C-alpha atoms as a PDB file:
ATOM      1  CA  UNK A   1      -1.058  -9.436 -16.311  1.00  0.00           C
ATOM      2  CA  UNK A   2      -0.917  -8.273 -19.895  1.00  0.00           C
ATOM      3  CA  UNK A   3      -2.036  -9.425 -23.317  1.00  0.00           C
ATOM      4  CA  UNK A   4      -0.055  -8.499 -26.318  1.00  0.00           C
ATOM      5  CA  UNK A   5      -1.835  -6.274 -28.827  1.00  0.00           C
ATOM      6  CA  UNK A   6      -0.675  -8.194 -31.863  1.00  0.00           C
ATOM      7  CA  UNK A   7      -1.955 -11.619 -30.720  1.00  0.00           C
ATOM      8  CA  UNK A   8      -5.389 -12.941 -31.418  1.00  0.00           C
ATOM      9  CA  UNK A   9      -7.480 -12.224 -28.237  1.00  0.00           C
ATOM     10  CA  UNK A  10     -10.117 -14.573 -26.939  1.00  0.00           C
ATOM     11  CA  UNK A  11     -12.652 -13.387 -24.491  1.00  0.00           C
ATOM     12  CA  UNK A  12     -14.755 -14.413 -21.456  1.00  0.00           C
ATOM     13  CA  UNK A  13     -18.301 -13.069 -21.217  1.00  0.00           C
ATOM     14  CA  UNK A  14     -20.057 -13.188 -17.939  1.00  0.00           C
ATOM     15  CA  UNK A  15     -23.910 -12.790 -18.274  1.00  0.00           C
ATOM     16  CA  UNK A  16     -26.049 -12.849 -15.135  1.00  0.00           C
ATOM     17  CA  UNK A  17     -29.293 -11.743 -13.580  1.00  0.00           C
ATOM     18  CA  UNK A  18     -30.162 -11.052  -9.974  1.00  0.00           C
ATOM     19  CA  UNK A  19     -33.510 -10.665  -8.257  1.00  0.00           C
ATOM     20  CA  UNK A  20     -34.522  -6.980  -7.910  1.00  0.00           C
ATOM     21  CA  UNK A  21     -34.624  -7.384  -4.096  1.00  0.00           C
ATOM     22  CA  UNK A  22     -30.860  -8.171  -4.146  1.00  0.00           C
ATOM     23  CA  UNK A  23     -29.821  -4.586  -4.418  1.00  0.00           C
ATOM     24  CA  UNK A  24     -26.794  -4.920  -1.955  1.00  0.00           C
ATOM     25  CA  UNK A  25     -25.632  -8.083  -3.696  1.00  0.00           C
ATOM     26  CA  UNK A  26     -25.877  -6.350  -7.145  1.00  0.00           C
ATOM     27  CA  UNK A  27     -23.546  -3.538  -5.740  1.00  0.00           C
ATOM     28  CA  UNK A  28     -21.155  -6.255  -4.409  1.00  0.00           C
ATOM     29  CA  UNK A  29     -21.043  -8.025  -7.863  1.00  0.00           C
ATOM     30  CA  UNK A  30     -20.475  -4.662  -9.687  1.00  0.00           C
ATOM     31  CA  UNK A  31     -17.670  -3.770  -7.356  1.00  0.00           C
ATOM     32  CA  UNK A  32     -15.984  -7.063  -7.928  1.00  0.00           C
ATOM     33  CA  UNK A  33     -16.246  -6.642 -11.685  1.00  0.00           C
ATOM     34  CA  UNK A  34     -14.644  -3.225 -11.389  1.00  0.00           C
ATOM     35  CA  UNK A  35     -11.785  -4.760  -9.302  1.00  0.00           C
ATOM     36  CA  UNK A  36     -11.340  -7.456 -11.952  1.00  0.00           C
ATOM     37  CA  UNK A  37     -11.071  -4.855 -14.751  1.00  0.00           C
ATOM     38  CA  UNK A  38     -14.125  -6.173 -16.650  1.00  0.00           C
ATOM     39  CA  UNK A  39     -15.769  -3.865 -19.170  1.00  0.00           C
ATOM     40  CA  UNK A  40     -19.541  -3.921 -19.978  1.00  0.00           C
ATOM     41  CA  UNK A  41     -20.558  -5.295 -23.391  1.00  0.00           C
ATOM     42  CA  UNK A  42     -23.760  -3.337 -24.075  1.00  0.00           C
ATOM     43  CA  UNK A  43     -26.533  -5.110 -22.148  1.00  0.00           C
ATOM     44  CA  UNK A  44     -25.054  -8.600 -22.802  1.00  0.00           C
ATOM     45  CA  UNK A  45     -22.736  -8.754 -19.706  1.00  0.00           C
ATOM     46  CA  UNK A  46     -19.121  -8.136 -18.815  1.00  0.00           C
ATOM     47  CA  UNK A  47     -15.939  -8.961 -20.768  1.00  0.00           C
ATOM     48  CA  UNK A  48     -12.522  -9.997 -19.806  1.00  0.00           C
ATOM     49  CA  UNK A  49      -9.614 -11.364 -21.859  1.00  0.00           C
ATOM     50  CA  UNK A  50      -9.606 -15.129 -21.649  1.00  0.00           C
ATOM     51  CA  UNK A  51      -6.886 -16.505 -19.456  1.00  0.00           C
ATOM     52  CA  UNK A  52      -6.799 -18.832 -16.352  1.00  0.00           C
ATOM     53  CA  UNK A  53      -6.904 -16.115 -13.753  1.00  0.00           C
ATOM     54  CA  UNK A  54      -9.861 -14.173 -15.246  1.00  0.00           C
ATOM     55  CA  UNK A  55     -11.707 -17.489 -15.810  1.00  0.00           C
ATOM     56  CA  UNK A  56     -11.295 -18.378 -12.186  1.00  0.00           C
ATOM     57  CA  UNK A  57     -12.551 -14.974 -11.120  1.00  0.00           C
ATOM     58  CA  UNK A  58     -15.717 -15.270 -13.324  1.00  0.00           C
ATOM     59  CA  UNK A  59     -16.285 -18.803 -12.063  1.00  0.00           C
ATOM     60  CA  UNK A  60     -16.056 -17.626  -8.466  1.00  0.00           C
ATOM     61  CA  UNK A  61     -18.381 -14.604  -9.171  1.00  0.00           C
ATOM     62  CA  UNK A  62     -20.873 -16.910 -11.028  1.00  0.00           C
ATOM     63  CA  UNK A  63     -21.017 -19.165  -8.095  1.00  0.00           C
ATOM     64  CA  UNK A  64     -21.682 -16.188  -5.778  1.00  0.00           C
ATOM     65  CA  UNK A  65     -24.458 -14.882  -8.073  1.00  0.00           C
ATOM     66  CA  UNK A  66     -26.212 -18.275  -8.019  1.00  0.00           C
ATOM     67  CA  UNK A  67     -25.963 -18.368  -4.272  1.00  0.00           C
ATOM     68  CA  UNK A  68     -27.881 -15.011  -4.237  1.00  0.00           C
ATOM     69  CA  UNK A  69     -30.637 -16.750  -6.196  1.00  0.00           C
ATOM     70  CA  UNK A  70     -29.466 -15.245  -9.492  1.00  0.00           C
ATOM     71  CA  UNK A  71     -28.419 -16.870 -12.833  1.00  0.00           C
ATOM     72  CA  UNK A  72     -24.925 -16.660 -14.252  1.00  0.00           C
ATOM     73  CA  UNK A  73     -23.274 -18.048 -17.400  1.00  0.00           C
ATOM     74  CA  UNK A  74     -19.579 -17.824 -18.564  1.00  0.00           C
ATOM     75  CA  UNK A  75     -19.320 -17.811 -22.270  1.00  0.00           C
ATOM     76  CA  UNK A  76     -16.075 -18.313 -24.201  1.00  0.00           C
ATOM     77  CA  UNK A  77     -15.922 -15.815 -27.121  1.00  0.00           C
ATOM     78  CA  UNK A  78     -13.594 -15.808 -30.011  1.00  0.00           C
ATOM     79  CA  UNK A  79     -14.885 -12.707 -31.724  1.00  0.00           C
ATOM     80  CA  UNK A  80     -17.931 -10.356 -31.710  1.00  0.00           C
ATOM     81  CA  UNK A  81     -19.383  -9.553 -35.122  1.00  0.00           C
ATOM     82  CA  UNK A  82     -20.224  -5.864 -34.533  1.00  0.00           C
ATOM     83  CA  UNK A  83     -17.147  -4.910 -32.396  1.00  0.00           C
ATOM     84  CA  UNK A  84     -13.598  -5.419 -33.661  1.00  0.00           C
ATOM     85  CA  UNK A  85     -10.748  -6.618 -31.415  1.00  0.00           C
ATOM     86  CA  UNK A  86      -8.999  -3.246 -31.556  1.00  0.00           C
ATOM     87  CA  UNK A  87     -12.284  -1.591 -30.481  1.00  0.00           C
ATOM     88  CA  UNK A  88     -12.607  -3.983 -27.563  1.00  0.00           C
ATOM     89  CA  UNK A  89      -8.995  -3.390 -26.585  1.00  0.00           C
ATOM     90  CA  UNK A  90      -9.677   0.345 -26.750  1.00  0.00           C
ATOM     91  CA  UNK A  91     -12.390  -0.004 -24.143  1.00  0.00           C
ATOM     92  CA  UNK A  92     -10.000  -1.676 -21.734  1.00  0.00           C
ATOM     93  CA  UNK A  93      -7.375   0.933 -22.431  1.00  0.00           C
ATOM     94  CA  UNK A  94      -9.815   3.712 -21.766  1.00  0.00           C
ATOM     95  CA  UNK A  95     -10.855   2.277 -18.463  1.00  0.00           C
ATOM     96  CA  UNK A  96      -7.224   1.756 -17.299  1.00  0.00           C
ATOM     97  CA  UNK A  97      -6.306   5.364 -18.560  1.00  0.00           C
ATOM     98  CA  UNK A  98      -8.990   6.871 -16.327  1.00  0.00           C
ATOM     99  CA  UNK A  99      -7.761   5.017 -13.349  1.00  0.00           C
ATOM    100  CA  UNK A 100      -4.074   5.917 -14.005  1.00  0.00           C
ATOM    101  CA  UNK A 101      -5.038   9.571 -14.483  1.00  0.00           C
ATOM    102  CA  UNK A 102      -6.861   9.609 -11.249  1.00  0.00           C
ATOM    103  CA  UNK A 103      -3.734   8.185  -9.594  1.00  0.00           C
ATOM    104  CA  UNK A 104      -1.546  10.777 -11.247  1.00  0.00           C
ATOM    105  CA  UNK A 105      -3.746  13.540  -9.844  1.00  0.00           C
ATOM    106  CA  UNK A 106      -3.402  11.977  -6.338  1.00  0.00           C
ATOM    107  CA  UNK A 107       0.377  11.702  -6.666  1.00  0.00           C
ATOM    108  CA  UNK A 108       0.678  15.274  -7.814  1.00  0.00           C
ATOM    109  CA  UNK A 109      -1.434  16.377  -4.813  1.00  0.00           C
ATOM    110  CA  UNK A 110       0.842  14.269  -2.619  1.00  0.00           C
ATOM    111  CA  UNK A 111       4.022  15.811  -3.951  1.00  0.00           C
ATOM    112  CA  UNK A 112       2.661  19.358  -3.605  1.00  0.00           C
ATOM    113  CA  UNK A 113       1.444  18.879  -0.080  1.00  0.00           C
ATOM    114  CA  UNK A 114       3.351  20.138   2.926  1.00  0.00           C
ATOM    115  CA  UNK A 115       6.138  17.852   4.125  1.00  0.00           C
ATOM    116  CA  UNK A 116       4.432  16.655   7.312  1.00  0.00           C
ATOM    117  CA  UNK A 117       1.469  15.406   5.327  1.00  0.00           C
ATOM    118  CA  UNK A 118       3.734  13.236   3.013  1.00  0.00           C
ATOM    119  CA  UNK A 119       3.365  10.238   5.250  1.00  0.00           C
ATOM    120  CA  UNK A 120       4.781   6.849   4.194  1.00  0.00           C
ATOM    121  CA  UNK A 121       1.309   5.333   4.880  1.00  0.00           C
ATOM    122  CA  UNK A 122      -0.321   7.626   2.288  1.00  0.00           C
ATOM    123  CA  UNK A 123       2.364   6.871  -0.219  1.00  0.00           C
ATOM    124  CA  UNK A 124       2.073   3.117   0.467  1.00  0.00           C
ATOM    125  CA  UNK A 125      -1.619   3.256  -0.271  1.00  0.00           C
ATOM    126  CA  UNK A 126      -1.029   4.952  -3.616  1.00  0.00           C
ATOM    127  CA  UNK A 127       1.561   2.362  -4.449  1.00  0.00           C
ATOM    128  CA  UNK A 128      -0.844  -0.450  -3.588  1.00  0.00           C
ATOM    129  CA  UNK A 129      -3.487   1.170  -5.752  1.00  0.00           C
ATOM    130  CA  UNK A 130      -0.947   1.329  -8.635  1.00  0.00           C
ATOM    131  CA  UNK A 131      -0.232  -2.418  -8.323  1.00  0.00           C
ATOM    132  CA  UNK A 132      -4.009  -3.129  -8.383  1.00  0.00           C
ATOM    133  CA  UNK A 133      -4.328  -1.316 -11.649  1.00  0.00           C
ATOM    134  CA  UNK A 134      -1.231  -2.838 -13.237  1.00  0.00           C
ATOM    135  CA  UNK A 135      -2.720  -6.291 -12.412  1.00  0.00           C
ATOM    136  CA  UNK A 136      -5.721  -5.541 -14.609  1.00  0.00           C
ATOM    137  CA  UNK A 137      -3.861  -3.483 -17.190  1.00  0.00           C
ATOM    138  CA  UNK A 138      -4.169  -6.315 -19.770  1.00  0.00           C
ATOM    139  CA  UNK A 139      -2.874  -4.366 -22.710  1.00  0.00           C
ATOM    140  CA  UNK A 140      -0.068  -2.281 -21.200  1.00  0.00           C
ATOM    141  CA  UNK A 141      -1.253   1.353 -21.014  1.00  0.00           C
ATOM    142  CA  UNK A 142       1.581   3.857 -21.731  1.00  0.00           C
ATOM    143  CA  UNK A 143       0.492   5.625 -18.546  1.00  0.00           C
ATOM    144  CA  UNK A 144       1.691   2.773 -16.435  1.00  0.00           C
ATOM    145  CA  UNK A 145       5.359   3.807 -16.874  1.00  0.00           C
ATOM    146  CA  UNK A 146       4.444   7.425 -16.013  1.00  0.00           C
ATOM    147  CA  UNK A 147       2.716   6.509 -12.763  1.00  0.00           C
ATOM    148  CA  UNK A 148       5.697   4.320 -11.863  1.00  0.00           C
ATOM    149  CA  UNK A 149       8.096   7.169 -12.384  1.00  0.00           C
ATOM    150  CA  UNK A 150       5.860   9.604 -10.217  1.00  0.00           C
ATOM    151  CA  UNK A 151       5.759   7.072  -7.428  1.00  0.00           C
ATOM    152  CA  UNK A 152       9.636   6.813  -7.465  1.00  0.00           C
ATOM    153  CA  UNK A 153       9.920  10.621  -7.548  1.00  0.00           C
ATOM    154  CA  UNK A 154       7.438  10.950  -4.652  1.00  0.00           C
ATOM    155  CA  UNK A 155       9.362   8.461  -2.580  1.00  0.00           C
ATOM    156  CA  UNK A 156      12.687  10.068  -3.299  1.00  0.00           C
ATOM    157  CA  UNK A 157      11.339  13.604  -2.463  1.00  0.00           C
ATOM    158  CA  UNK A 158       9.879  12.266   0.836  1.00  0.00           C
ATOM    159  CA  UNK A 159      13.156  10.691   1.827  1.00  0.00           C
ATOM    160  CA  UNK A 160      14.965  13.807   0.994  1.00  0.00           C
ATOM    161  CA  UNK A 161      12.687  16.034   2.987  1.00  0.00           C
ATOM    162  CA  UNK A 162      13.075  13.909   6.177  1.00  0.00           C
ATOM    163  CA  UNK A 163      14.716  15.681   9.060  1.00  0.00           C
ATOM    164  CA  UNK A 164      18.511  15.242   9.048  1.00  0.00           C
ATOM    165  CA  UNK A 165      19.822  12.658  11.442  1.00  0.00           C
ATOM    166  CA  UNK A 166      21.121  13.996  14.786  1.00  0.00           C
ATOM    167  CA  UNK A 167      24.841  14.133  15.212  1.00  0.00           C
ATOM    168  CA  UNK A 168      26.483  11.055  16.795  1.00  0.00           C
ATOM    169  CA  UNK A 169      26.772  11.042  20.566  1.00  0.00           C
ATOM    170  CA  UNK A 170      30.270  11.443  21.950  1.00  0.00           C
ATOM    171  CA  UNK A 171      30.590   8.980  24.778  1.00  0.00           C
ATOM    172  CA  UNK A 172      33.171  11.271  26.436  1.00  0.00           C
ATOM    173  CA  UNK A 173      30.519  13.818  27.229  1.00  0.00           C
ATOM    174  CA  UNK A 174      28.651  11.259  29.454  1.00  0.00           C
ATOM    175  CA  UNK A 175      31.487   9.979  31.688  1.00  0.00           C
ATOM    176  CA  UNK A 176      31.526  10.534  35.397  1.00  0.00           C
ATOM    177  CA  UNK A 177      27.740  10.746  35.662  1.00  0.00           C
ATOM    178  CA  UNK A 178      25.131   9.125  37.854  1.00  0.00           C
ATOM    179  CA  UNK A 179      22.477   7.246  35.910  1.00  0.00           C
ATOM    180  CA  UNK A 180      19.039   7.176  37.464  1.00  0.00           C
ATOM    181  CA  UNK A 181      16.304   4.639  36.761  1.00  0.00           C
ATOM    182  CA  UNK A 182      13.134   3.298  38.358  1.00  0.00           C
ATOM    183  CA  UNK A 183      13.438   0.439  40.924  1.00  0.00           C
ATOM    184  CA  UNK A 184      13.100  -3.149  39.799  1.00  0.00           C
ATOM    185  CA  UNK A 185      14.423  -2.679  36.291  1.00  0.00           C
ATOM    186  CA  UNK A 186      13.320  -5.001  33.526  1.00  0.00           C
ATOM    187  CA  UNK A 187      15.436  -6.750  30.952  1.00  0.00           C
ATOM    188  CA  UNK A 188      15.622  -3.684  28.658  1.00  0.00           C
ATOM    189  CA  UNK A 189      16.983  -1.378  31.384  1.00  0.00           C
ATOM    190  CA  UNK A 190      19.484  -3.969  32.592  1.00  0.00           C
ATOM    191  CA  UNK A 191      20.644  -4.265  29.012  1.00  0.00           C
ATOM    192  CA  UNK A 192      20.863  -0.430  28.917  1.00  0.00           C
ATOM    193  CA  UNK A 193      23.069  -0.476  31.996  1.00  0.00           C
ATOM    194  CA  UNK A 194      25.406  -3.076  30.424  1.00  0.00           C
ATOM    195  CA  UNK A 195      25.671  -0.892  27.244  1.00  0.00           C
ATOM    196  CA  UNK A 196      26.603   2.150  29.351  1.00  0.00           C
ATOM    197  CA  UNK A 197      29.279   0.203  31.293  1.00  0.00           C
ATOM    198  CA  UNK A 198      30.563  -1.404  28.026  1.00  0.00           C
ATOM    199  CA  UNK A 199      30.587   1.527  25.640  1.00  0.00           C
ATOM    200  CA  UNK A 200      30.258   4.740  27.667  1.00  0.00           C
ATOM    201  CA  UNK A 201      31.719   4.703  31.109  1.00  0.00           C
ATOM    202  CA  UNK A 202      33.107   1.605  32.705  1.00  0.00           C
ATOM    203  CA  UNK A 203      32.850   3.240  36.172  1.00  0.00           C
ATOM    204  CA  UNK A 204      29.303   4.545  35.655  1.00  0.00           C
ATOM    205  CA  UNK A 205      27.159   4.591  38.821  1.00  0.00           C
ATOM    206  CA  UNK A 206      23.454   3.705  38.926  1.00  0.00           C
ATOM    207  CA  UNK A 207      20.776   5.027  41.273  1.00  0.00           C
ATOM    208  CA  UNK A 208      17.342   3.587  41.670  1.00  0.00           C
ATOM    209  CA  UNK A 209      14.737   6.299  42.441  1.00  0.00           C
ATOM    210  CA  UNK A 210      10.950   6.778  41.831  1.00  0.00           C
ATOM    211  CA  UNK A 211      11.745  10.242  40.660  1.00  0.00           C
ATOM    212  CA  UNK A 212      14.872  12.159  39.859  1.00  0.00           C
ATOM    213  CA  UNK A 213      15.394  15.469  41.711  1.00  0.00           C
ATOM    214  CA  UNK A 214      14.287  18.463  39.728  1.00  0.00           C
ATOM    215  CA  UNK A 215      17.547  20.269  40.287  1.00  0.00           C
ATOM    216  CA  UNK A 216      19.305  17.641  38.367  1.00  0.00           C
ATOM    217  CA  UNK A 217      19.775  17.686  34.602  1.00  0.00           C
ATOM    218  CA  UNK A 218      18.663  14.445  33.093  1.00  0.00           C
ATOM    219  CA  UNK A 219      17.664  12.956  29.701  1.00  0.00           C
ATOM    220  CA  UNK A 220      16.066   9.802  28.415  1.00  0.00           C
ATOM    221  CA  UNK A 221      18.316   7.189  26.947  1.00  0.00           C
ATOM    222  CA  UNK A 222      17.499   5.764  23.601  1.00  0.00           C
ATOM    223  CA  UNK A 223      17.775   2.126  24.917  1.00  0.00           C
ATOM    224  CA  UNK A 224      14.518   2.733  26.907  1.00  0.00           C
ATOM    225  CA  UNK A 225      14.077   3.740  30.449  1.00  0.00           C
ATOM    226  CA  UNK A 226      17.448   5.203  31.651  1.00  0.00           C
ATOM    227  CA  UNK A 227      18.040   8.800  32.698  1.00  0.00           C
ATOM    228  CA  UNK A 228      21.269  10.530  33.260  1.00  0.00           C
ATOM    229  CA  UNK A 229      21.759  13.376  35.830  1.00  0.00           C
ATOM    230  CA  UNK A 230      24.742  15.322  36.717  1.00  0.00           C
ATOM    231  CA  UNK A 231      25.998  14.571  40.210  1.00  0.00           C
END
């Protein structure tokens, strides 16, 4: 979501109070305000650009506050006499800038870490965090593009650092062998036997054994559950 800088911006102001004994609920409300990208307006409340999504969020939060025995009001504001629109936009930009800069530091740390620690899960979490910030970057911070580029570079570097794929298996190297598997094979191992007969050795032999003799050379088949041993 973004709001153009050159258009006239209308605002939503959420004012609320909560009983002092509601400390945990106060923290919950504060965290949601942070997630929504709201900025504090002195002691008056919290501010967001006026649009349907933000209004729905404030309405939901106001309902939750009243449920916690508090009071909440949502005020539609066109202007604030002692703070200009550019100054208000600057507050939002400053908040998003801090969040983007934190993400940049984490991405730099990710890219400089050893290859085994560059997990896809870790990068996915950073990308998710980026999308969360973009959603509340109402005025299009220039750092948004920078973080997007770093994410793409990190992803490309992670892919490039992956271990090279193993060389293709030559079926001719596995002809004339005895394939050993456990008794009572399931569907997956029956399918493996069909694949071996179909694509590797039409005359392949299969033996059912609880355990292959140690003297035999064997390996695990990628299709789950088949082992090959030299006869």
